C-alpha atoms as a PDB file:
ATOM      1  CA  UNK A   1    -128.110 -29.532 -38.708  1.00  0.00           C
ATOM      2  CA  UNK A   2    -124.453 -28.983 -37.765  1.00  0.00           C
ATOM      3  CA  UNK A   3    -123.906 -25.158 -36.307  1.00  0.00           C
ATOM      4  CA  UNK A   4    -120.358 -24.004 -38.244  1.00  0.00           C
ATOM      5  CA  UNK A   5    -118.198 -21.200 -37.370  1.00  0.00           C
ATOM      6  CA  UNK A   6    -115.730 -19.688 -39.745  1.00  0.00           C
ATOM      7  CA  UNK A   7    -112.443 -17.994 -38.598  1.00  0.00           C
ATOM      8  CA  UNK A   8    -111.220 -15.839 -41.521  1.00  0.00           C
ATOM      9  CA  UNK A   9    -114.955 -15.373 -42.810  1.00  0.00           C
ATOM     10  CA  UNK A  10    -114.054 -12.156 -44.686  1.00  0.00           C
ATOM     11  CA  UNK A  11    -111.279 -13.806 -47.014  1.00  0.00           C
ATOM     12  CA  UNK A  12    -111.720 -15.674 -50.239  1.00  0.00           C
ATOM     13  CA  UNK A  13    -112.163 -19.106 -48.665  1.00  0.00           C
ATOM     14  CA  UNK A  14    -114.111 -18.008 -45.747  1.00  0.00           C
ATOM     15  CA  UNK A  15    -117.045 -16.213 -48.275  1.00  0.00           C
ATOM     16  CA  UNK A  16    -116.961 -19.212 -50.399  1.00  0.00           C
ATOM     17  CA  UNK A  17    -117.146 -21.768 -47.209  1.00  0.00           C
ATOM     18  CA  UNK A  18    -120.366 -19.665 -46.286  1.00  0.00           C
ATOM     19  CA  UNK A  19    -121.927 -20.193 -49.541  1.00  0.00           C
ATOM     20  CA  UNK A  20    -121.267 -23.991 -49.169  1.00  0.00           C
ATOM     21  CA  UNK A  21    -122.782 -23.828 -45.689  1.00  0.00           C
ATOM     22  CA  UNK A  22    -125.910 -22.051 -47.033  1.00  0.00           C
ATOM     23  CA  UNK A  23    -126.118 -24.390 -50.313  1.00  0.00           C
ATOM     24  CA  UNK A  24    -125.948 -27.425 -48.116  1.00  0.00           C
ATOM     25  CA  UNK A  25    -128.691 -26.276 -45.800  1.00  0.00           C
ATOM     26  CA  UNK A  26    -126.529 -26.465 -42.927  1.00  0.00           C
ATOM     27  CA  UNK A  27    -126.370 -23.357 -40.092  1.00  0.00           C
ATOM     28  CA  UNK A  28    -123.428 -20.698 -40.300  1.00  0.00           C
ATOM     29  CA  UNK A  29    -123.186 -20.036 -36.577  1.00  0.00           C
ATOM     30  CA  UNK A  30    -120.968 -16.956 -37.360  1.00  0.00           C
ATOM     31  CA  UNK A  31    -117.579 -15.832 -38.344  1.00  0.00           C
ATOM     32  CA  UNK A  32    -114.684 -13.651 -37.255  1.00  0.00           C
ATOM     33  CA  UNK A  33    -111.688 -12.440 -39.042  1.00  0.00           C
ATOM     34  CA  UNK A  34    -108.674 -10.614 -37.666  1.00  0.00           C
ATOM     35  CA  UNK A  35    -109.193  -9.216 -34.229  1.00  0.00           C
ATOM     36  CA  UNK A  36    -112.297 -11.240 -33.628  1.00  0.00           C
ATOM     37  CA  UNK A  37    -112.891 -13.542 -30.622  1.00  0.00           C
ATOM     38  CA  UNK A  38    -112.615 -17.141 -31.397  1.00  0.00           C
ATOM     39  CA  UNK A  39    -113.293 -18.412 -28.034  1.00  0.00           C
ATOM     40  CA  UNK A  40    -116.764 -16.441 -28.195  1.00  0.00           C
ATOM     41  CA  UNK A  41    -117.463 -18.053 -31.577  1.00  0.00           C
ATOM     42  CA  UNK A  42    -116.555 -21.399 -30.494  1.00  0.00           C
ATOM     43  CA  UNK A  43    -119.135 -21.333 -27.896  1.00  0.00           C
ATOM     44  CA  UNK A  44    -121.782 -21.327 -30.212  1.00  0.00           C
ATOM     45  CA  UNK A  45    -120.545 -23.957 -32.561  1.00  0.00           C
ATOM     46  CA  UNK A  46    -120.409 -27.440 -32.775  1.00  0.00           C
ATOM     47  CA  UNK A  47    -116.990 -27.518 -35.130  1.00  0.00           C
ATOM     48  CA  UNK A  48    -114.830 -24.686 -36.283  1.00  0.00           C
ATOM     49  CA  UNK A  49    -113.371 -24.153 -39.865  1.00  0.00           C
ATOM     50  CA  UNK A  50    -110.194 -22.008 -39.705  1.00  0.00           C
ATOM     51  CA  UNK A  51    -108.884 -20.446 -42.691  1.00  0.00           C
ATOM     52  CA  UNK A  52    -107.263 -17.391 -41.149  1.00  0.00           C
ATOM     53  CA  UNK A  53    -103.623 -16.843 -40.439  1.00  0.00           C
ATOM     54  CA  UNK A  54    -100.347 -19.120 -39.004  1.00  0.00           C
ATOM     55  CA  UNK A  55    -100.152 -15.797 -36.078  1.00  0.00           C
ATOM     56  CA  UNK A  56    -103.906 -16.840 -35.172  1.00  0.00           C
ATOM     57  CA  UNK A  57    -103.687 -20.483 -35.110  1.00  0.00           C
ATOM     58  CA  UNK A  58    -102.732 -20.943 -31.295  1.00  0.00           C
ATOM     59  CA  UNK A  59    -105.597 -18.986 -29.628  1.00  0.00           C
ATOM     60  CA  UNK A  60    -108.074 -20.573 -32.504  1.00  0.00           C
ATOM     61  CA  UNK A  61    -106.961 -23.919 -31.233  1.00  0.00           C
ATOM     62  CA  UNK A  62    -107.353 -23.177 -27.853  1.00  0.00           C
ATOM     63  CA  UNK A  63    -110.695 -22.023 -28.339  1.00  0.00           C
ATOM     64  CA  UNK A  64    -111.559 -25.304 -29.834  1.00  0.00           C
ATOM     65  CA  UNK A  65    -110.236 -27.176 -27.109  1.00  0.00           C
ATOM     66  CA  UNK A  66    -111.906 -24.838 -24.275  1.00  0.00           C
ATOM     67  CA  UNK A  67    -115.098 -25.343 -26.204  1.00  0.00           C
ATOM     68  CA  UNK A  68    -114.557 -29.174 -26.537  1.00  0.00           C
ATOM     69  CA  UNK A  69    -115.566 -29.125 -30.162  1.00  0.00           C
ATOM     70  CA  UNK A  70    -113.490 -30.318 -33.359  1.00  0.00           C
ATOM     71  CA  UNK A  71    -111.678 -27.835 -35.555  1.00  0.00           C
ATOM     72  CA  UNK A  72    -110.724 -28.006 -39.396  1.00  0.00           C
ATOM     73  CA  UNK A  73    -107.496 -26.089 -39.912  1.00  0.00           C
ATOM     74  CA  UNK A  74    -107.077 -25.259 -43.550  1.00  0.00           C
ATOM     75  CA  UNK A  75    -104.748 -22.475 -43.050  1.00  0.00           C
ATOM     76  CA  UNK A  76    -101.408 -22.725 -45.160  1.00  0.00           C
ATOM     77  CA  UNK A  77     -97.713 -21.384 -44.383  1.00  0.00           C
ATOM     78  CA  UNK A  78     -97.579 -23.375 -41.169  1.00  0.00           C
ATOM     79  CA  UNK A  79     -93.980 -23.979 -39.435  1.00  0.00           C
ATOM     80  CA  UNK A  80     -93.263 -26.959 -37.317  1.00  0.00           C
ATOM     81  CA  UNK A  81     -94.326 -25.094 -34.216  1.00  0.00           C
ATOM     82  CA  UNK A  82     -97.744 -25.290 -35.437  1.00  0.00           C
ATOM     83  CA  UNK A  83     -97.777 -28.826 -36.095  1.00  0.00           C
ATOM     84  CA  UNK A  84     -96.669 -29.184 -32.566  1.00  0.00           C
ATOM     85  CA  UNK A  85     -99.587 -26.608 -31.580  1.00  0.00           C
ATOM     86  CA  UNK A  86    -102.180 -29.116 -33.788  1.00  0.00           C
ATOM     87  CA  UNK A  87    -100.369 -32.500 -31.923  1.00  0.00           C
ATOM     88  CA  UNK A  88    -101.117 -31.036 -28.852  1.00  0.00           C
ATOM     89  CA  UNK A  89    -104.960 -29.846 -29.307  1.00  0.00           C
ATOM     90  CA  UNK A  90    -105.557 -33.141 -30.860  1.00  0.00           C
ATOM     91  CA  UNK A  91    -105.167 -34.838 -27.325  1.00  0.00           C
ATOM     92  CA  UNK A  92    -108.453 -33.442 -26.156  1.00  0.00           C
ATOM     93  CA  UNK A  93    -110.543 -32.569 -29.179  1.00  0.00           C
ATOM     94  CA  UNK A  94    -110.412 -33.727 -32.842  1.00  0.00           C
ATOM     95  CA  UNK A  95    -108.125 -31.520 -35.060  1.00  0.00           C
ATOM     96  CA  UNK A  96    -108.139 -32.038 -38.925  1.00  0.00           C
ATOM     97  CA  UNK A  97    -105.293 -30.022 -40.500  1.00  0.00           C
ATOM     98  CA  UNK A  98    -104.459 -29.758 -44.328  1.00  0.00           C
ATOM     99  CA  UNK A  99    -103.087 -27.980 -46.968  1.00  0.00           C
ATOM    100  CA  UNK A 100    -105.544 -28.430 -49.477  1.00  0.00           C
ATOM    101  CA  UNK A 101    -109.227 -29.251 -48.690  1.00  0.00           C
ATOM    102  CA  UNK A 102    -109.944 -30.590 -52.212  1.00  0.00           C
ATOM    103  CA  UNK A 103    -111.429 -34.333 -52.475  1.00  0.00           C
ATOM    104  CA  UNK A 104    -109.493 -34.123 -55.833  1.00  0.00           C
ATOM    105  CA  UNK A 105    -106.122 -33.291 -54.632  1.00  0.00           C
ATOM    106  CA  UNK A 106    -106.832 -35.653 -51.534  1.00  0.00           C
ATOM    107  CA  UNK A 107    -106.978 -38.438 -54.140  1.00  0.00           C
ATOM    108  CA  UNK A 108    -104.231 -37.132 -56.268  1.00  0.00           C
ATOM    109  CA  UNK A 109    -101.770 -37.363 -53.358  1.00  0.00           C
ATOM    110  CA  UNK A 110    -102.677 -40.800 -52.756  1.00  0.00           C
ATOM    111  CA  UNK A 111    -101.822 -41.817 -56.411  1.00  0.00           C
ATOM    112  CA  UNK A 112     -98.573 -39.852 -56.109  1.00  0.00           C
ATOM    113  CA  UNK A 113     -97.753 -41.850 -52.911  1.00  0.00           C
ATOM    114  CA  UNK A 114     -98.312 -44.937 -54.661  1.00  0.00           C
ATOM    115  CA  UNK A 115     -96.389 -44.028 -57.664  1.00  0.00           C
ATOM    116  CA  UNK A 116     -93.425 -42.757 -55.692  1.00  0.00           C
ATOM    117  CA  UNK A 117     -93.537 -45.785 -53.848  1.00  0.00           C
ATOM    118  CA  UNK A 118     -93.616 -48.303 -56.961  1.00  0.00           C
ATOM    119  CA  UNK A 119     -91.198 -46.216 -59.119  1.00  0.00           C
ATOM    120  CA  UNK A 120     -87.361 -46.529 -58.073  1.00  0.00           C
ATOM    121  CA  UNK A 121     -85.099 -43.805 -57.042  1.00  0.00           C
ATOM    122  CA  UNK A 122     -84.014 -43.517 -60.630  1.00  0.00           C
ATOM    123  CA  UNK A 123     -87.437 -41.334 -61.064  1.00  0.00           C
ATOM    124  CA  UNK A 124     -87.031 -37.570 -60.447  1.00  0.00           C
ATOM    125  CA  UNK A 125     -89.773 -35.952 -58.941  1.00  0.00           C
ATOM    126  CA  UNK A 126     -90.648 -32.212 -59.518  1.00  0.00           C
ATOM    127  CA  UNK A 127     -93.697 -30.356 -58.209  1.00  0.00           C
ATOM    128  CA  UNK A 128     -94.876 -27.290 -60.267  1.00  0.00           C
ATOM    129  CA  UNK A 129     -97.726 -25.308 -58.822  1.00  0.00           C
ATOM    130  CA  UNK A 130     -99.376 -21.958 -60.498  1.00  0.00           C
ATOM    131  CA  UNK A 131    -101.468 -19.789 -58.064  1.00  0.00           C
ATOM    132  CA  UNK A 132    -103.040 -16.039 -58.303  1.00  0.00           C
ATOM    133  CA  UNK A 133    -100.971 -13.001 -57.585  1.00  0.00           C
ATOM    134  CA  UNK A 134    -102.362 -12.573 -54.433  1.00  0.00           C
ATOM    135  CA  UNK A 135    -100.746 -15.676 -52.979  1.00  0.00           C
ATOM    136  CA  UNK A 136     -98.223 -14.712 -50.277  1.00  0.00           C
ATOM    137  CA  UNK A 137     -96.582 -18.163 -49.698  1.00  0.00           C
ATOM    138  CA  UNK A 138     -94.558 -20.485 -51.581  1.00  0.00           C
ATOM    139  CA  UNK A 139     -94.606 -23.491 -52.205  1.00  0.00           C
ATOM    140  CA  UNK A 140     -98.106 -23.814 -51.667  1.00  0.00           C
ATOM    141  CA  UNK A 141     -99.812 -25.789 -49.069  1.00  0.00           C
ATOM    142  CA  UNK A 142    -101.050 -27.997 -51.596  1.00  0.00           C
ATOM    143  CA  UNK A 143     -97.553 -28.482 -53.429  1.00  0.00           C
ATOM    144  CA  UNK A 144     -95.978 -29.458 -49.914  1.00  0.00           C
ATOM    145  CA  UNK A 145     -98.739 -31.947 -49.090  1.00  0.00           C
ATOM    146  CA  UNK A 146     -97.925 -33.456 -52.557  1.00  0.00           C
ATOM    147  CA  UNK A 147     -93.953 -33.386 -51.895  1.00  0.00           C
ATOM    148  CA  UNK A 148     -94.937 -35.157 -48.150  1.00  0.00           C
ATOM    149  CA  UNK A 149     -96.997 -37.939 -50.131  1.00  0.00           C
ATOM    150  CA  UNK A 150     -93.979 -38.231 -52.267  1.00  0.00           C
ATOM    151  CA  UNK A 151     -91.698 -38.447 -49.529  1.00  0.00           C
ATOM    152  CA  UNK A 152     -93.907 -40.903 -47.789  1.00  0.00           C
ATOM    153  CA  UNK A 153     -94.023 -43.298 -50.614  1.00  0.00           C
ATOM    154  CA  UNK A 154     -90.108 -43.178 -50.833  1.00  0.00           C
ATOM    155  CA  UNK A 155     -89.330 -43.396 -46.791  1.00  0.00           C
ATOM    156  CA  UNK A 156     -87.820 -40.216 -46.795  1.00  0.00           C
ATOM    157  CA  UNK A 157     -87.627 -37.003 -45.024  1.00  0.00           C
ATOM    158  CA  UNK A 158     -89.170 -34.178 -47.303  1.00  0.00           C
ATOM    159  CA  UNK A 159     -87.340 -31.506 -45.153  1.00  0.00           C
ATOM    160  CA  UNK A 160     -83.803 -33.141 -46.154  1.00  0.00           C
ATOM    161  CA  UNK A 161     -84.548 -34.047 -49.510  1.00  0.00           C
ATOM    162  CA  UNK A 162     -86.201 -31.053 -51.355  1.00  0.00           C
ATOM    163  CA  UNK A 163     -85.207 -28.547 -53.769  1.00  0.00           C
ATOM    164  CA  UNK A 164     -86.869 -25.022 -54.090  1.00  0.00           C
ATOM    165  CA  UNK A 165     -85.950 -22.059 -56.145  1.00  0.00           C
ATOM    166  CA  UNK A 166     -82.748 -22.797 -58.454  1.00  0.00           C
ATOM    167  CA  UNK A 167     -81.144 -19.862 -59.572  1.00  0.00           C
ATOM    168  CA  UNK A 168     -77.565 -19.850 -61.310  1.00  0.00           C
ATOM    169  CA  UNK A 169     -75.109 -22.292 -61.308  1.00  0.00           C
ATOM    170  CA  UNK A 170     -76.592 -25.196 -59.279  1.00  0.00           C
ATOM    171  CA  UNK A 171     -74.889 -28.280 -60.452  1.00  0.00           C
ATOM    172  CA  UNK A 172     -76.747 -31.224 -61.224  1.00  0.00           C
ATOM    173  CA  UNK A 173     -80.230 -32.211 -60.122  1.00  0.00           C
ATOM    174  CA  UNK A 174     -79.746 -34.067 -56.581  1.00  0.00           C
ATOM    175  CA  UNK A 175     -80.376 -37.568 -56.873  1.00  0.00           C
ATOM    176  CA  UNK A 176     -83.532 -38.856 -54.982  1.00  0.00           C
ATOM    177  CA  UNK A 177     -84.687 -35.035 -54.449  1.00  0.00           C
ATOM    178  CA  UNK A 178     -88.119 -33.563 -54.623  1.00  0.00           C
ATOM    179  CA  UNK A 179     -87.995 -30.360 -56.587  1.00  0.00           C
ATOM    180  CA  UNK A 180     -90.501 -27.405 -56.177  1.00  0.00           C
ATOM    181  CA  UNK A 181     -91.639 -24.590 -58.866  1.00  0.00           C
ATOM    182  CA  UNK A 182     -93.923 -22.105 -57.962  1.00  0.00           C
ATOM    183  CA  UNK A 183     -95.575 -19.759 -60.607  1.00  0.00           C
ATOM    184  CA  UNK A 184     -97.556 -16.672 -59.770  1.00  0.00           C
ATOM    185  CA  UNK A 185    -100.208 -14.733 -61.539  1.00  0.00           C
ATOM    186  CA  UNK A 186    -103.485 -13.474 -63.013  1.00  0.00           C
ATOM    187  CA  UNK A 187    -106.444 -15.181 -60.931  1.00  0.00           C
ATOM    188  CA  UNK A 188    -105.632 -18.737 -61.206  1.00  0.00           C
ATOM    189  CA  UNK A 189    -107.422 -20.839 -58.238  1.00  0.00           C
ATOM    190  CA  UNK A 190    -104.614 -23.633 -58.502  1.00  0.00           C
ATOM    191  CA  UNK A 191    -103.076 -26.009 -60.424  1.00  0.00           C
ATOM    192  CA  UNK A 192    -100.744 -28.615 -59.402  1.00  0.00           C
ATOM    193  CA  UNK A 193     -98.712 -30.983 -61.524  1.00  0.00           C
ATOM    194  CA  UNK A 194     -96.307 -33.862 -60.050  1.00  0.00           C
ATOM    195  CA  UNK A 195     -93.806 -34.954 -62.637  1.00  0.00           C
ATOM    196  CA  UNK A 196     -92.130 -38.321 -62.558  1.00  0.00           C
ATOM    197  CA  UNK A 197     -89.255 -38.445 -64.729  1.00  0.00           C
ATOM    198  CA  UNK A 198     -87.449 -41.098 -66.049  1.00  0.00           C
ATOM    199  CA  UNK A 199     -84.695 -42.255 -68.771  1.00  0.00           C
ATOM    200  CA  UNK A 200     -86.999 -41.732 -71.931  1.00  0.00           C
ATOM    201  CA  UNK A 201     -90.145 -41.715 -70.274  1.00  0.00           C
ATOM    202  CA  UNK A 202     -92.257 -39.690 -67.786  1.00  0.00           C
ATOM    203  CA  UNK A 203     -95.655 -39.593 -65.856  1.00  0.00           C
ATOM    204  CA  UNK A 204     -97.507 -36.583 -65.208  1.00  0.00           C
ATOM    205  CA  UNK A 205    -100.146 -36.297 -62.461  1.00  0.00           C
ATOM    206  CA  UNK A 206    -102.424 -32.998 -62.254  1.00  0.00           C
ATOM    207  CA  UNK A 207    -105.137 -31.227 -60.697  1.00  0.00           C
ATOM    208  CA  UNK A 208    -106.790 -28.032 -61.917  1.00  0.00           C
ATOM    209  CA  UNK A 209    -108.798 -26.016 -59.711  1.00  0.00           C
ATOM    210  CA  UNK A 210    -111.551 -23.852 -61.602  1.00  0.00           C
ATOM    211  CA  UNK A 211    -112.791 -21.693 -58.477  1.00  0.00           C
ATOM    212  CA  UNK A 212    -112.689 -22.135 -54.657  1.00  0.00           C
ATOM    213  CA  UNK A 213    -116.115 -23.558 -54.618  1.00  0.00           C
ATOM    214  CA  UNK A 214    -114.273 -27.311 -54.633  1.00  0.00           C
ATOM    215  CA  UNK A 215    -112.170 -26.328 -51.507  1.00  0.00           C
ATOM    216  CA  UNK A 216    -115.242 -24.756 -49.740  1.00  0.00           C
ATOM    217  CA  UNK A 217    -117.247 -27.957 -50.300  1.00  0.00           C
ATOM    218  CA  UNK A 218    -114.377 -30.172 -49.230  1.00  0.00           C
ATOM    219  CA  UNK A 219    -113.942 -27.943 -46.278  1.00  0.00           C
ATOM    220  CA  UNK A 220    -117.335 -28.478 -45.564  1.00  0.00           C
ATOM    221  CA  UNK A 221    -117.326 -32.077 -45.836  1.00  0.00           C
ATOM    222  CA  UNK A 222    -114.423 -32.587 -43.531  1.00  0.00           C
ATOM    223  CA  UNK A 223    -116.107 -30.231 -40.983  1.00  0.00           C
ATOM    224  CA  UNK A 224    -119.331 -32.509 -41.310  1.00  0.00           C
ATOM    225  CA  UNK A 225    -117.199 -35.692 -41.192  1.00  0.00           C
ATOM    226  CA  UNK A 226    -115.460 -34.633 -37.762  1.00  0.00           C
ATOM    227  CA  UNK A 227    -118.329 -34.177 -36.003  1.00  0.00           C
ATOM    228  CA  UNK A 228    -118.658 -36.879 -32.953  1.00  0.00           C
ATOM    229  CA  UNK A 229    -114.986 -37.844 -33.976  1.00  0.00           C
ATOM    230  CA  UNK A 230    -112.754 -38.943 -30.693  1.00  0.00           C
ATOM    231  CA  UNK A 231    -109.745 -36.532 -30.308  1.00  0.00           C
ATOM    232  CA  UNK A 232    -106.711 -37.052 -32.355  1.00  0.00           C
ATOM    233  CA  UNK A 233    -105.454 -35.720 -35.201  1.00  0.00           C
ATOM    234  CA  UNK A 234    -106.789 -36.595 -38.467  1.00  0.00           C
ATOM    235  CA  UNK A 235    -106.109 -35.653 -42.417  1.00  0.00           C
ATOM    236  CA  UNK A 236    -108.433 -35.407 -45.730  1.00  0.00           C
ATOM    237  CA  UNK A 237    -107.558 -39.422 -46.351  1.00  0.00           C
ATOM    238  CA  UNK A 238    -109.353 -40.080 -43.240  1.00  0.00           C
ATOM    239  CA  UNK A 239    -112.417 -38.312 -44.702  1.00  0.00           C
ATOM    240  CA  UNK A 240    -112.407 -40.605 -47.949  1.00  0.00           C
ATOM    241  CA  UNK A 241    -111.279 -43.677 -46.089  1.00  0.00           C
ATOM    242  CA  UNK A 242    -107.820 -43.451 -47.682  1.00  0.00           C
END
């Protein structure tokens, strides 16, 4: 059985992952939250699962690298410098970073990439996401993941081709751009729809998360998959062989 450590163990996802570990018969080696020592936790584990905060990421990656164990990073709200840190750590240990650990969302992103690649630029792409009222970042990590999939399919850079938060007199929609809309309210675990719209027709690809258990099970599956993998940066499609 793998010894698994959870960073962010007192959060919603941390608690759900602990339940998934118990259900799967794996070993929860321990967990820490804000103010905890990731190095001490890493010394007791075979793999780390991090659902904490962007501010804690550097210390968590360092702990994994020093202990020589893989780490799954599911923390959202990351900036460009955080991805550089993941790249640097992946030179010494296996690092899987993702905005969503759902296996269903992973497959959805694959379908979005395929659709964006095969349909022309005259098809507009809009991504709509809904989450619970307590979520602090927008667009969600999953929405950005889907946006990156669409941008990859089109061979463009998402950062240069996205529209977020339209308000007032915005002018016509930018040609070839990828739009985002974020809704917040209630206790929604996470709903995402990618709309592809053209003249007189449209395609909508959706995923609805009914509870966090799906993300917890996906995170556990990915952490188990990371065991024994060589040092490099991985993603959820690698887990599914996509």
